[in-house]
Amino acid sequence: MGAAFLSALAAGLCCAAPLVYLLFGVSAAALSGLNGLAWLQLPMGLIALTCLGVVFFRLYISKRPLCAGRVSRPWLVIGFWLVALWVLALLSYPFILPWLLE
């Protein structure tokens, strides 16, 4: 779940810098050259979704029990859905943000 979260965060890096600059009042004209990490968006998004798919398979479909150690299965399920929501938010905000700013 951590790998899915980190790769989703990396997928959103191309749009994170302009968003942070806009939040602190920097002009949008100065942000035109900040898309140098845009090439990471697709591969990291695919890695995030693959990691979530593997965890979903291990939690709900697999015949082998998930070895949780000190964490019980209900807490893993809650953590999975929280991370899944964050990942979906991080992966979708570059597409939703321009629509919201119009």
Protein backbone atom coordinates (compact mmCIF):
# COMPACT_ATOMS: atom_id res chain seq x y z
CA MET A 1 0.00 0.00 0.00
CA GLY A 2 2.91 2.30 0.67
CA ALA A 3 4.32 1.70 -2.80
CA ALA A 4 0.96 2.54 -4.35
CA PHE A 5 0.77 5.77 -2.37
CA LEU A 6 4.32 6.84 -3.22
CA SER A 7 3.96 6.08 -6.92
CA ALA A 8 0.67 7.99 -7.05
CA LEU A 9 2.42 10.89 -5.37
CA ALA A 10 5.18 10.71 -7.98
CA ALA A 11 2.58 10.60 -10.75
CA GLY A 12 1.15 13.86 -9.50
CA LEU A 13 4.50 15.67 -9.23
CA CYS A 14 4.10 17.28 -12.64
CA CYS A 15 1.12 19.21 -11.34
CA ALA A 16 2.08 19.59 -7.67
CA ALA A 17 4.57 22.43 -8.17
CA PRO A 18 2.15 24.64 -10.14
CA LEU A 19 -0.57 23.97 -7.58
CA VAL A 20 1.70 24.91 -4.66
CA TYR A 21 2.86 28.06 -6.44
CA LEU A 22 -0.71 29.07 -7.18
CA LEU A 23 -1.66 28.52 -3.54
CA PHE A 24 1.09 30.91 -2.45
CA GLY A 25 0.18 33.57 -5.00
CA VAL A 26 2.81 33.19 -7.71
CA SER A 27 1.59 34.23 -11.15
CA ALA A 28 0.44 31.49 -13.52
CA ALA A 29 2.52 32.96 -16.34
CA ALA A 30 5.70 31.93 -14.54
CA LEU A 31 4.49 28.32 -14.32
CA SER A 32 4.52 27.51 -18.03
CA GLY A 33 7.83 25.61 -17.88
CA LEU A 34 7.18 23.46 -14.81
CA ASN A 35 5.98 20.32 -16.56
CA GLY A 36 9.36 18.60 -16.71
CA LEU A 37 8.08 15.64 -14.70
CA ALA A 38 4.99 15.07 -16.83
CA TRP A 39 6.57 11.98 -18.38
CA LEU A 40 6.34 10.26 -14.97
CA GLN A 41 2.57 10.57 -14.76
CA LEU A 42 1.59 7.51 -16.81
CA PRO A 43 4.21 4.99 -15.58
CA MET A 44 3.81 5.93 -11.93
CA GLY A 45 0.03 5.88 -12.22
CA LEU A 46 0.19 2.38 -13.67
CA ILE A 47 2.54 1.26 -10.87
CA ALA A 48 0.16 2.70 -8.25
CA LEU A 49 -2.87 0.96 -9.75
CA THR A 50 -0.94 -2.31 -10.09
CA CYS A 51 0.12 -2.19 -6.43
CA LEU A 52 -3.45 -1.51 -5.36
CA GLY A 53 -4.65 -4.38 -7.54
CA VAL A 54 -2.16 -6.77 -5.93
CA VAL A 55 -3.20 -5.74 -2.43
CA PHE A 56 -6.90 -6.02 -3.35
CA PHE A 57 -6.27 -9.52 -4.74
CA ARG A 58 -4.41 -10.58 -1.58
CA LEU A 59 -7.09 -9.15 0.73
CA TYR A 60 -10.25 -10.32 -1.00
CA ILE A 61 -9.62 -13.00 -3.65
CA SER A 62 -6.51 -15.00 -2.75
CA LYS A 63 -6.85 -18.35 -0.99
CA ARG A 64 -3.66 -17.70 0.96
CA PRO A 65 -4.22 -15.66 4.12
CA LEU A 66 -2.46 -12.32 4.26
CA CYS A 67 0.26 -12.48 6.90
CA ALA A 68 -0.30 -9.28 8.80
CA GLY A 69 2.05 -9.73 11.74
CA ARG A 70 0.90 -7.31 14.42
CA VAL A 71 -1.90 -5.73 12.37
CA SER A 72 -5.26 -7.48 12.14
CA ARG A 73 -7.08 -8.01 8.85
CA PRO A 74 -9.87 -5.47 9.56
CA TRP A 75 -7.24 -2.77 10.08
CA LEU A 76 -5.56 -3.79 6.82
CA VAL A 77 -8.88 -3.50 4.98
CA ILE A 78 -9.51 -0.04 6.46
CA GLY A 79 -5.97 1.03 5.59
CA PHE A 80 -6.32 -0.32 2.07
CA TRP A 81 -9.49 1.67 1.37
CA LEU A 82 -8.01 4.85 2.87
CA VAL A 83 -4.89 4.50 0.74
CA ALA A 84 -7.01 3.65 -2.32
CA LEU A 85 -9.01 6.86 -1.87
CA TRP A 86 -5.83 8.92 -1.52
CA VAL A 87 -4.29 7.26 -4.58
CA LEU A 88 -7.38 7.92 -6.68
CA ALA A 89 -7.43 11.54 -5.50
CA LEU A 90 -3.73 11.99 -6.32
CA LEU A 91 -4.12 10.38 -9.73
CA SER A 92 -7.24 12.31 -10.70
CA TYR A 93 -6.50 15.83 -9.49
CA PRO A 94 -4.31 16.81 -12.51
CA PHE A 95 -7.37 16.18 -14.69
CA ILE A 96 -9.95 17.71 -12.34
CA LEU A 97 -7.96 20.79 -11.30
CA PRO A 98 -8.16 22.63 -14.67
CA TRP A 99 -11.89 22.00 -14.75
CA LEU A 100 -12.27 23.46 -11.23
CA LEU A 101 -10.15 26.53 -12.02
CA GLU A 102 -12.29 27.55 -15.01
